């Protein structure tokens, strides 16, 4: 019993003398953490098989923009075309809309770009895009990624307003 008390006392003394540092691995990467708050994922699944996936980050709150709706989009499509003009968001079998509106612009982004490096969930097999939509009026933004043969992937965001 004495041994147990001495061991517990020794551990308490050594622990009490240790340097107390809060370890916060995300503190140094604030842009990543902020982007994570505005990132959502949707899947197109058929018979338990993932046909396509979309990960979208709503950029308006991050870049303090209010003129249009901006998204950083990562897309993976199973058996996608090799030709960049027909793959990812340019695949003729897939469409992307925001509250029923087609995109104004779709710009492909390189995975080593400055923006891509600050975004969560960027993998080498994803196709990366900046997608711009017309300004929406409602409070909700419903981004729909669909293929005519499968159920759609729907991700919903709260619309950002600059004060």
N, C-alpha and C. Protein backbone atom coordinates (compact mmCIF):
# COMPACT_ATOMS: atom_id res chain seq x y z
N UNK A 1 0.82 -1.19 0.00
CA UNK A 1 0.00 0.00 0.00
C UNK A 1 0.87 1.26 0.00
N UNK A 2 1.97 1.19 0.77
CA UNK A 2 2.89 2.33 0.82
C UNK A 2 3.50 2.57 -0.55
N UNK A 3 3.86 1.48 -1.24
CA UNK A 3 4.45 1.60 -2.57
C UNK A 3 3.49 2.30 -3.54
N UNK A 4 2.25 1.90 -3.51
CA UNK A 4 1.25 2.48 -4.38
C UNK A 4 1.10 3.97 -4.10
N UNK A 5 1.08 4.35 -2.84
CA UNK A 5 0.97 5.76 -2.47
C UNK A 5 2.19 6.54 -2.95
N UNK A 6 3.39 5.96 -2.82
CA UNK A 6 4.62 6.62 -3.26
C UNK A 6 4.61 6.78 -4.78
N UNK A 7 4.18 5.76 -5.51
CA UNK A 7 4.12 5.83 -6.97
C UNK A 7 3.14 6.90 -7.41
N UNK A 8 1.97 6.93 -6.83
CA UNK A 8 0.96 7.94 -7.19
C UNK A 8 1.47 9.34 -6.86
N UNK A 9 2.10 9.49 -5.69
CA UNK A 9 2.65 10.79 -5.29
C UNK A 9 3.75 11.23 -6.26
N UNK A 10 4.62 10.30 -6.66
CA UNK A 10 5.70 10.62 -7.60
C UNK A 10 5.15 11.06 -8.95
N UNK A 11 4.16 10.35 -9.44
CA UNK A 11 3.53 10.71 -10.72
C UNK A 11 2.89 12.09 -10.62
N UNK A 12 2.23 12.36 -9.52
CA UNK A 12 1.58 13.67 -9.33
C UNK A 12 2.62 14.79 -9.30
N UNK A 13 3.74 14.57 -8.63
CA UNK A 13 4.80 15.58 -8.56
C UNK A 13 5.39 15.82 -9.95
N UNK A 14 5.72 14.74 -10.67
CA UNK A 14 6.32 14.87 -11.99
C UNK A 14 5.36 15.51 -12.99
N UNK A 15 4.10 15.17 -12.89
CA UNK A 15 3.11 15.77 -13.77
C UNK A 15 2.91 17.24 -13.45
N UNK A 16 2.92 17.57 -12.20
CA UNK A 16 2.74 18.97 -11.79
C UNK A 16 3.89 19.86 -12.23
N UNK A 17 5.06 19.30 -12.40
CA UNK A 17 6.23 20.08 -12.80
C UNK A 17 6.40 20.16 -14.32
N UNK A 18 5.61 19.41 -15.05
CA UNK A 18 5.73 19.41 -16.51
C UNK A 18 5.27 20.74 -17.09
N UNK A 19 5.84 21.08 -18.23
CA UNK A 19 5.47 22.32 -18.91
C UNK A 19 4.09 22.13 -19.53
N UNK A 20 3.22 23.06 -19.24
CA UNK A 20 1.86 22.98 -19.78
C UNK A 20 1.80 23.81 -21.06
N UNK A 21 1.73 23.12 -22.19
CA UNK A 21 1.60 23.79 -23.48
C UNK A 21 0.39 23.24 -24.18
N UNK A 22 -0.43 24.12 -24.63
CA UNK A 22 -1.57 23.68 -25.41
C UNK A 22 -1.09 23.41 -26.83
N UNK A 23 -1.31 22.21 -27.27
CA UNK A 23 -0.90 21.85 -28.62
C UNK A 23 -2.11 21.99 -29.52
N UNK A 24 -2.01 22.89 -30.46
CA UNK A 24 -3.11 23.12 -31.39
C UNK A 24 -2.55 23.02 -32.80
N UNK A 25 -2.77 21.88 -33.42
CA UNK A 25 -2.19 21.65 -34.74
C UNK A 25 -2.83 22.51 -35.82
N UNK A 26 -4.04 23.02 -35.55
CA UNK A 26 -4.72 23.83 -36.57
C UNK A 26 -4.45 25.32 -36.43
N UNK A 27 -3.81 25.74 -35.34
CA UNK A 27 -3.61 27.17 -35.10
C UNK A 27 -2.78 27.82 -36.20
N UNK A 28 -1.83 27.09 -36.76
CA UNK A 28 -0.95 27.65 -37.78
C UNK A 28 -1.59 27.69 -39.16
N UNK A 29 -2.67 26.95 -39.34
CA UNK A 29 -3.29 26.83 -40.65
C UNK A 29 -4.71 27.37 -40.64
N UNK A 30 -4.86 28.64 -40.30
CA UNK A 30 -6.18 29.25 -40.19
C UNK A 30 -6.97 29.22 -41.49
N UNK A 31 -6.37 29.50 -42.67
CA UNK A 31 -7.15 29.44 -43.92
C UNK A 31 -7.77 28.06 -44.15
N UNK A 32 -7.04 27.00 -43.81
CA UNK A 32 -7.55 25.64 -43.97
C UNK A 32 -8.77 25.42 -43.07
N UNK A 33 -8.66 25.84 -41.82
CA UNK A 33 -9.75 25.66 -40.85
C UNK A 33 -10.98 26.45 -41.29
N UNK A 34 -10.78 27.68 -41.74
CA UNK A 34 -11.90 28.49 -42.22
C UNK A 34 -12.55 27.84 -43.43
N UNK A 35 -11.75 27.34 -44.37
CA UNK A 35 -12.29 26.69 -45.56
C UNK A 35 -13.07 25.43 -45.18
N UNK A 36 -12.61 24.73 -44.19
CA UNK A 36 -13.28 23.52 -43.73
C UNK A 36 -14.70 23.81 -43.26
N UNK A 37 -14.90 24.97 -42.65
CA UNK A 37 -16.23 25.38 -42.16
C UNK A 37 -17.24 25.51 -43.30
N UNK A 38 -16.77 25.87 -44.48
CA UNK A 38 -17.66 26.13 -45.62
C UNK A 38 -17.54 25.06 -46.70
N UNK A 39 -17.14 23.86 -46.32
CA UNK A 39 -16.96 22.76 -47.26
C UNK A 39 -17.98 21.66 -47.00
N UNK A 40 -18.58 21.17 -48.09
CA UNK A 40 -19.55 20.07 -47.98
C UNK A 40 -19.30 19.07 -49.10
N UNK A 41 -19.77 17.84 -48.88
CA UNK A 41 -19.52 16.75 -49.82
C UNK A 41 -20.82 16.08 -50.20
N UNK A 42 -20.92 15.68 -51.46
CA UNK A 42 -22.07 14.93 -51.95
C UNK A 42 -21.60 13.79 -52.83
N UNK A 43 -22.37 12.70 -52.82
CA UNK A 43 -22.02 11.52 -53.61
C UNK A 43 -23.17 11.14 -54.52
N UNK A 44 -22.83 10.62 -55.68
CA UNK A 44 -23.80 9.99 -56.57
C UNK A 44 -23.55 8.50 -56.43
N UNK A 45 -24.52 7.81 -55.84
CA UNK A 45 -24.36 6.39 -55.52
C UNK A 45 -25.48 5.59 -56.19
N UNK A 46 -25.12 4.46 -56.77
CA UNK A 46 -26.09 3.55 -57.35
C UNK A 46 -25.72 2.14 -56.95
N UNK A 47 -26.63 1.43 -56.32
CA UNK A 47 -26.40 0.05 -55.86
C UNK A 47 -25.13 -0.06 -55.02
N UNK A 48 -24.98 0.83 -54.07
CA UNK A 48 -23.85 0.87 -53.15
C UNK A 48 -22.51 1.13 -53.85
N UNK A 49 -22.56 1.58 -55.09
CA UNK A 49 -21.34 1.90 -55.83
C UNK A 49 -21.27 3.40 -56.05
N UNK A 50 -20.13 3.98 -55.68
CA UNK A 50 -19.94 5.42 -55.82
C UNK A 50 -19.61 5.75 -57.27
N UNK A 51 -20.54 6.39 -57.96
CA UNK A 51 -20.35 6.74 -59.37
C UNK A 51 -19.62 8.07 -59.53
N UNK A 52 -19.89 9.00 -58.62
CA UNK A 52 -19.25 10.32 -58.69
C UNK A 52 -19.30 10.96 -57.31
N UNK A 53 -18.41 11.92 -57.11
CA UNK A 53 -18.35 12.63 -55.83
C UNK A 53 -18.03 14.09 -56.11
N UNK A 54 -18.63 14.94 -55.32
CA UNK A 54 -18.34 16.37 -55.41
C UNK A 54 -18.07 16.90 -54.01
N UNK A 55 -17.02 17.69 -53.89
CA UNK A 55 -16.72 18.39 -52.64
C UNK A 55 -16.67 19.87 -53.01
N UNK A 56 -17.50 20.66 -52.37
CA UNK A 56 -17.58 22.08 -52.71
C UNK A 56 -17.28 22.94 -51.49
N UNK A 57 -16.50 23.98 -51.70
CA UNK A 57 -16.21 24.98 -50.67
C UNK A 57 -16.79 26.30 -51.15
N UNK A 58 -17.66 26.87 -50.33
CA UNK A 58 -18.28 28.16 -50.64
C UNK A 58 -17.25 29.24 -50.35
N UNK A 59 -16.80 29.93 -51.39
CA UNK A 59 -15.70 30.89 -51.26
C UNK A 59 -16.11 32.29 -50.82
N UNK A 60 -17.36 32.66 -50.99
CA UNK A 60 -17.78 34.03 -50.66
C UNK A 60 -17.42 34.45 -49.23
N UNK A 61 -17.69 33.61 -48.20
CA UNK A 61 -17.31 34.03 -46.84
C UNK A 61 -15.80 34.11 -46.64
N UNK A 62 -15.05 33.32 -47.36
CA UNK A 62 -13.60 33.29 -47.20
C UNK A 62 -12.93 34.47 -47.90
N UNK A 63 -13.48 34.87 -49.02
CA UNK A 63 -12.89 35.95 -49.81
C UNK A 63 -13.66 37.26 -49.67
N UNK A 64 -14.69 37.26 -48.83
CA UNK A 64 -15.51 38.46 -48.58
C UNK A 64 -16.03 39.06 -49.89
N UNK A 65 -16.62 38.19 -50.71
CA UNK A 65 -17.16 38.62 -52.00
C UNK A 65 -18.68 38.52 -51.96
N UNK A 66 -19.34 39.40 -52.70
CA UNK A 66 -20.79 39.41 -52.67
C UNK A 66 -21.41 39.67 -54.05
N UNK A 67 -20.59 39.77 -55.10
CA UNK A 67 -21.12 40.10 -56.42
C UNK A 67 -21.74 38.90 -57.13
N UNK A 68 -21.17 37.71 -56.92
CA UNK A 68 -21.66 36.45 -57.50
C UNK A 68 -21.45 35.37 -56.45
N UNK A 69 -21.81 34.14 -56.78
CA UNK A 69 -21.59 33.01 -55.87
C UNK A 69 -20.39 32.22 -56.41
N UNK A 70 -19.36 32.07 -55.57
CA UNK A 70 -18.11 31.41 -55.97
C UNK A 70 -17.90 30.13 -55.16
N UNK A 71 -17.49 29.07 -55.85
CA UNK A 71 -17.22 27.79 -55.21
C UNK A 71 -15.90 27.21 -55.72
N UNK A 72 -15.18 26.60 -54.79
CA UNK A 72 -14.02 25.78 -55.16
C UNK A 72 -14.54 24.35 -55.14
N UNK A 73 -14.51 23.68 -56.30
CA UNK A 73 -15.16 22.38 -56.44
C UNK A 73 -14.12 21.32 -56.79
N UNK A 74 -14.21 20.18 -56.05
CA UNK A 74 -13.42 19.00 -56.36
C UNK A 74 -14.38 17.94 -56.87
N UNK A 75 -14.03 17.31 -57.99
CA UNK A 75 -14.91 16.31 -58.59
C UNK A 75 -14.13 15.04 -58.86
N UNK A 76 -14.77 13.93 -58.52
CA UNK A 76 -14.26 12.62 -58.92
C UNK A 76 -15.40 11.90 -59.62
N UNK A 77 -15.16 11.42 -60.83
CA UNK A 77 -16.15 10.65 -61.58
C UNK A 77 -15.51 9.32 -61.96
N UNK A 78 -16.19 8.24 -61.59
CA UNK A 78 -15.72 6.89 -61.92
C UNK A 78 -15.74 6.72 -63.45
N UNK A 79 -14.69 6.15 -63.99
CA UNK A 79 -14.57 5.92 -65.44
C UNK A 79 -14.76 7.21 -66.24
N UNK A 80 -14.15 8.28 -65.77
CA UNK A 80 -14.25 9.57 -66.45
C UNK A 80 -13.41 9.57 -67.72
N UNK A 81 -13.70 10.49 -68.61
CA UNK A 81 -12.94 10.63 -69.85
C UNK A 81 -11.52 11.07 -69.55
N UNK A 82 -10.58 10.65 -70.38
CA UNK A 82 -9.19 11.09 -70.26
C UNK A 82 -9.01 12.49 -70.83
N UNK A 83 -9.78 12.81 -71.84
CA UNK A 83 -9.69 14.11 -72.50
C UNK A 83 -10.16 15.21 -71.53
N UNK A 84 -9.31 16.18 -71.18
CA UNK A 84 -9.70 17.23 -70.23
C UNK A 84 -10.91 18.05 -70.69
N UNK A 85 -11.15 18.08 -72.00
CA UNK A 85 -12.31 18.83 -72.51
C UNK A 85 -13.62 18.11 -72.26
N UNK A 86 -13.56 16.82 -71.87
CA UNK A 86 -14.76 16.03 -71.63
C UNK A 86 -14.78 15.39 -70.25
N UNK A 87 -13.89 15.80 -69.37
CA UNK A 87 -13.82 15.16 -68.06
C UNK A 87 -14.25 16.11 -66.95
N UNK A 88 -14.48 15.55 -65.78
CA UNK A 88 -14.87 16.36 -64.62
C UNK A 88 -16.16 17.11 -64.87
N UNK A 89 -16.17 18.40 -64.60
CA UNK A 89 -17.37 19.22 -64.81
C UNK A 89 -17.68 19.46 -66.28
N UNK A 90 -16.75 19.10 -67.17
CA UNK A 90 -16.99 19.23 -68.61
C UNK A 90 -17.51 17.92 -69.21
N UNK A 91 -17.70 16.90 -68.38
CA UNK A 91 -18.24 15.62 -68.82
C UNK A 91 -19.66 15.85 -69.34
N UNK A 92 -19.95 15.42 -70.58
CA UNK A 92 -21.28 15.70 -71.15
C UNK A 92 -22.44 15.00 -70.44
N UNK A 93 -22.15 14.00 -69.61
CA UNK A 93 -23.21 13.28 -68.91
C UNK A 93 -23.54 13.89 -67.54
N UNK A 94 -22.76 14.86 -67.09
CA UNK A 94 -22.95 15.46 -65.77
C UNK A 94 -23.23 16.95 -65.89
N UNK A 95 -24.06 17.45 -64.97
CA UNK A 95 -24.33 18.89 -64.91
C UNK A 95 -24.22 19.35 -63.47
N UNK A 96 -23.94 20.64 -63.31
CA UNK A 96 -23.89 21.27 -61.99
C UNK A 96 -24.74 22.53 -62.06
N UNK A 97 -25.60 22.71 -61.05
CA UNK A 97 -26.44 23.91 -60.98
C UNK A 97 -26.47 24.42 -59.55
N UNK A 98 -26.78 25.71 -59.41
CA UNK A 98 -26.97 26.32 -58.10
C UNK A 98 -28.34 26.96 -58.10
N UNK A 99 -29.22 26.46 -57.26
CA UNK A 99 -30.61 26.93 -57.20
C UNK A 99 -31.25 26.94 -58.60
N UNK A 100 -30.93 25.93 -59.40
CA UNK A 100 -31.50 25.80 -60.74
C UNK A 100 -30.80 26.59 -61.83
N UNK A 101 -29.76 27.35 -61.50
CA UNK A 101 -29.04 28.15 -62.49
C UNK A 101 -27.74 27.46 -62.90
N UNK A 102 -27.44 27.52 -64.19
CA UNK A 102 -26.18 26.98 -64.70
C UNK A 102 -25.04 27.92 -64.32
N UNK A 103 -23.81 27.41 -64.26
CA UNK A 103 -22.68 28.27 -63.91
C UNK A 103 -22.38 29.31 -64.99
N UNK A 104 -21.91 30.46 -64.53
CA UNK A 104 -21.44 31.50 -65.46
C UNK A 104 -20.08 31.11 -66.02
N UNK A 105 -19.21 30.62 -65.14
CA UNK A 105 -17.88 30.17 -65.57
C UNK A 105 -17.47 28.92 -64.80
N UNK A 106 -16.69 28.09 -65.46
CA UNK A 106 -16.04 26.94 -64.84
C UNK A 106 -14.58 27.02 -65.26
N UNK A 107 -13.71 27.22 -64.28
CA UNK A 107 -12.27 27.35 -64.58
C UNK A 107 -11.51 26.24 -63.86
N UNK A 108 -10.80 25.44 -64.63
CA UNK A 108 -10.01 24.37 -64.02
C UNK A 108 -8.81 24.96 -63.28
N UNK A 109 -8.49 24.36 -62.14
CA UNK A 109 -7.41 24.83 -61.27
C UNK A 109 -6.39 23.72 -61.11
N UNK A 110 -5.13 24.06 -61.13
CA UNK A 110 -4.05 23.09 -60.91
C UNK A 110 -3.97 22.75 -59.42
N UNK A 111 -3.61 21.51 -59.11
CA UNK A 111 -3.54 21.08 -57.71
C UNK A 111 -2.40 21.74 -56.94
N UNK A 112 -1.43 22.31 -57.64
CA UNK A 112 -0.33 22.99 -56.95
C UNK A 112 -0.54 24.51 -56.87
N UNK A 113 -1.74 24.97 -57.20
CA UNK A 113 -2.03 26.41 -57.12
C UNK A 113 -2.12 26.85 -55.65
N UNK A 114 -1.97 28.13 -55.44
CA UNK A 114 -2.02 28.70 -54.09
C UNK A 114 -3.37 28.41 -53.42
N UNK A 115 -4.46 28.57 -54.17
CA UNK A 115 -5.79 28.32 -53.61
C UNK A 115 -5.96 26.85 -53.24
N UNK A 116 -5.57 25.95 -54.12
CA UNK A 116 -5.73 24.52 -53.86
C UNK A 116 -4.96 24.08 -52.62
N UNK A 117 -3.82 24.71 -52.37
CA UNK A 117 -3.01 24.34 -51.21
C UNK A 117 -3.64 24.75 -49.88
N UNK A 118 -4.56 25.71 -49.91
CA UNK A 118 -5.22 26.13 -48.66
C UNK A 118 -6.56 25.44 -48.45
N UNK A 119 -6.99 24.63 -49.41
CA UNK A 119 -8.29 23.98 -49.33
C UNK A 119 -8.20 22.57 -48.76
N UNK A 120 -9.22 22.17 -48.00
CA UNK A 120 -9.25 20.80 -47.49
C UNK A 120 -9.67 19.82 -48.58
N UNK A 121 -9.33 18.57 -48.38
CA UNK A 121 -9.76 17.46 -49.23
C UNK A 121 -9.35 17.62 -50.69
N UNK A 122 -8.10 17.92 -50.93
CA UNK A 122 -7.58 17.98 -52.30
C UNK A 122 -6.72 16.74 -52.51
N UNK A 123 -7.12 15.91 -53.46
CA UNK A 123 -6.38 14.69 -53.78
C UNK A 123 -5.94 14.74 -55.24
N UNK A 124 -4.92 13.99 -55.57
CA UNK A 124 -4.37 14.03 -56.93
C UNK A 124 -5.34 13.49 -57.98
N UNK A 125 -6.29 12.66 -57.59
CA UNK A 125 -7.22 12.09 -58.57
C UNK A 125 -8.49 12.93 -58.71
N UNK A 126 -8.62 14.02 -57.97
CA UNK A 126 -9.76 14.93 -58.14
C UNK A 126 -9.46 15.93 -59.25
N UNK A 127 -10.49 16.37 -59.90
CA UNK A 127 -10.39 17.49 -60.83
C UNK A 127 -10.87 18.72 -60.06
N UNK A 128 -10.10 19.80 -60.13
CA UNK A 128 -10.36 20.99 -59.32
C UNK A 128 -10.84 22.15 -60.19
N UNK A 129 -11.83 22.89 -59.67
CA UNK A 129 -12.42 23.99 -60.44
C UNK A 129 -12.80 25.15 -59.54
N UNK A 130 -12.81 26.34 -60.13
CA UNK A 130 -13.48 27.50 -59.54
C UNK A 130 -14.75 27.65 -60.38
N UNK A 131 -15.90 27.56 -59.72
CA UNK A 131 -17.18 27.66 -60.42
C UNK A 131 -17.89 28.91 -59.93
N UNK A 132 -18.33 29.73 -60.87
CA UNK A 132 -19.02 30.99 -60.56
C UNK A 132 -20.46 30.91 -61.04
N UNK A 133 -21.38 31.29 -60.14
CA UNK A 133 -22.80 31.31 -60.45
C UNK A 133 -23.34 32.72 -60.30
N UNK A 134 -24.50 33.00 -60.91
CA UNK A 134 -25.11 34.31 -60.69
C UNK A 134 -25.48 34.49 -59.22
N UNK A 135 -25.57 35.72 -58.79
CA UNK A 135 -25.94 36.05 -57.41
C UNK A 135 -27.32 35.47 -57.11
N UNK A 136 -27.44 34.79 -55.97
CA UNK A 136 -28.72 34.21 -55.56
C UNK A 136 -29.41 35.14 -54.57
N UNK A 137 -30.74 35.04 -54.53
CA UNK A 137 -31.51 35.91 -53.65
C UNK A 137 -31.93 35.23 -52.35
N UNK A 138 -32.13 33.94 -52.37
CA UNK A 138 -32.60 33.23 -51.18
C UNK A 138 -31.52 33.07 -50.12
N UNK A 139 -31.93 32.55 -48.96
CA UNK A 139 -30.98 32.32 -47.87
C UNK A 139 -30.19 31.03 -48.05
N UNK A 140 -30.77 30.09 -48.78
CA UNK A 140 -30.12 28.79 -48.99
C UNK A 140 -29.57 28.69 -50.40
N UNK A 141 -28.42 28.06 -50.50
CA UNK A 141 -27.81 27.77 -51.80
C UNK A 141 -27.79 26.26 -51.95
N UNK A 142 -28.46 25.76 -52.97
CA UNK A 142 -28.51 24.32 -53.20
C UNK A 142 -27.71 24.00 -54.46
N UNK A 143 -26.56 23.39 -54.25
CA UNK A 143 -25.67 23.00 -55.34
C UNK A 143 -26.01 21.56 -55.71
N UNK A 144 -26.39 21.35 -56.97
CA UNK A 144 -26.81 20.02 -57.43
C UNK A 144 -25.87 19.56 -58.53
N UNK A 145 -25.28 18.39 -58.31
CA UNK A 145 -24.40 17.74 -59.27
C UNK A 145 -25.12 16.47 -59.70
N UNK A 146 -25.43 16.35 -61.00
CA UNK A 146 -26.22 15.19 -61.40
C UNK A 146 -25.83 14.62 -62.75
N UNK A 147 -26.21 13.36 -62.89
CA UNK A 147 -26.09 12.60 -64.12
C UNK A 147 -27.51 12.15 -64.43
N UNK A 148 -27.88 12.16 -65.69
CA UNK A 148 -29.26 11.83 -66.04
C UNK A 148 -29.66 10.39 -65.69
N UNK A 149 -28.67 9.51 -65.46
CA UNK A 149 -28.97 8.11 -65.16
C UNK A 149 -28.95 7.76 -63.68
N UNK A 150 -28.52 8.69 -62.82
CA UNK A 150 -28.35 8.39 -61.40
C UNK A 150 -29.01 9.46 -60.55
N UNK A 151 -29.28 9.14 -59.28
CA UNK A 151 -29.80 10.18 -58.38
C UNK A 151 -28.74 11.27 -58.16
N UNK A 152 -29.17 12.52 -57.98
CA UNK A 152 -28.20 13.62 -57.87
C UNK A 152 -27.51 13.69 -56.51
N UNK A 153 -26.38 14.38 -56.48
CA UNK A 153 -25.71 14.74 -55.23
C UNK A 153 -26.11 16.19 -54.94
N UNK A 154 -26.64 16.42 -53.75
CA UNK A 154 -27.12 17.76 -53.38
C UNK A 154 -26.38 18.21 -52.13
N UNK A 155 -25.78 19.40 -52.20
CA UNK A 155 -25.16 20.00 -51.02
C UNK A 155 -25.76 21.39 -50.83
N UNK A 156 -26.06 21.72 -49.58
CA UNK A 156 -26.75 22.96 -49.27
C UNK A 156 -25.87 23.84 -48.39
N UNK A 157 -25.84 25.12 -48.72
CA UNK A 157 -25.06 26.11 -47.97
C UNK A 157 -25.97 27.26 -47.55
N UNK A 158 -25.58 27.96 -46.50
CA UNK A 158 -26.22 29.22 -46.12
C UNK A 158 -25.58 30.32 -46.95
N UNK A 159 -26.39 31.16 -47.55
CA UNK A 159 -25.84 32.24 -48.38
C UNK A 159 -25.15 33.28 -47.52
N UNK A 160 -24.01 33.75 -47.99
CA UNK A 160 -23.19 34.72 -47.26
C UNK A 160 -23.53 36.13 -47.73
N UNK A 161 -23.67 37.04 -46.79
CA UNK A 161 -23.92 38.46 -47.08
C UNK A 161 -22.79 39.29 -46.50
N UNK A 162 -22.19 40.14 -47.31
CA UNK A 162 -21.18 41.07 -46.81
C UNK A 162 -21.89 42.16 -46.04
N UNK A 163 -21.39 42.47 -44.85
CA UNK A 163 -22.03 43.52 -44.03
C UNK A 163 -21.74 44.90 -44.54
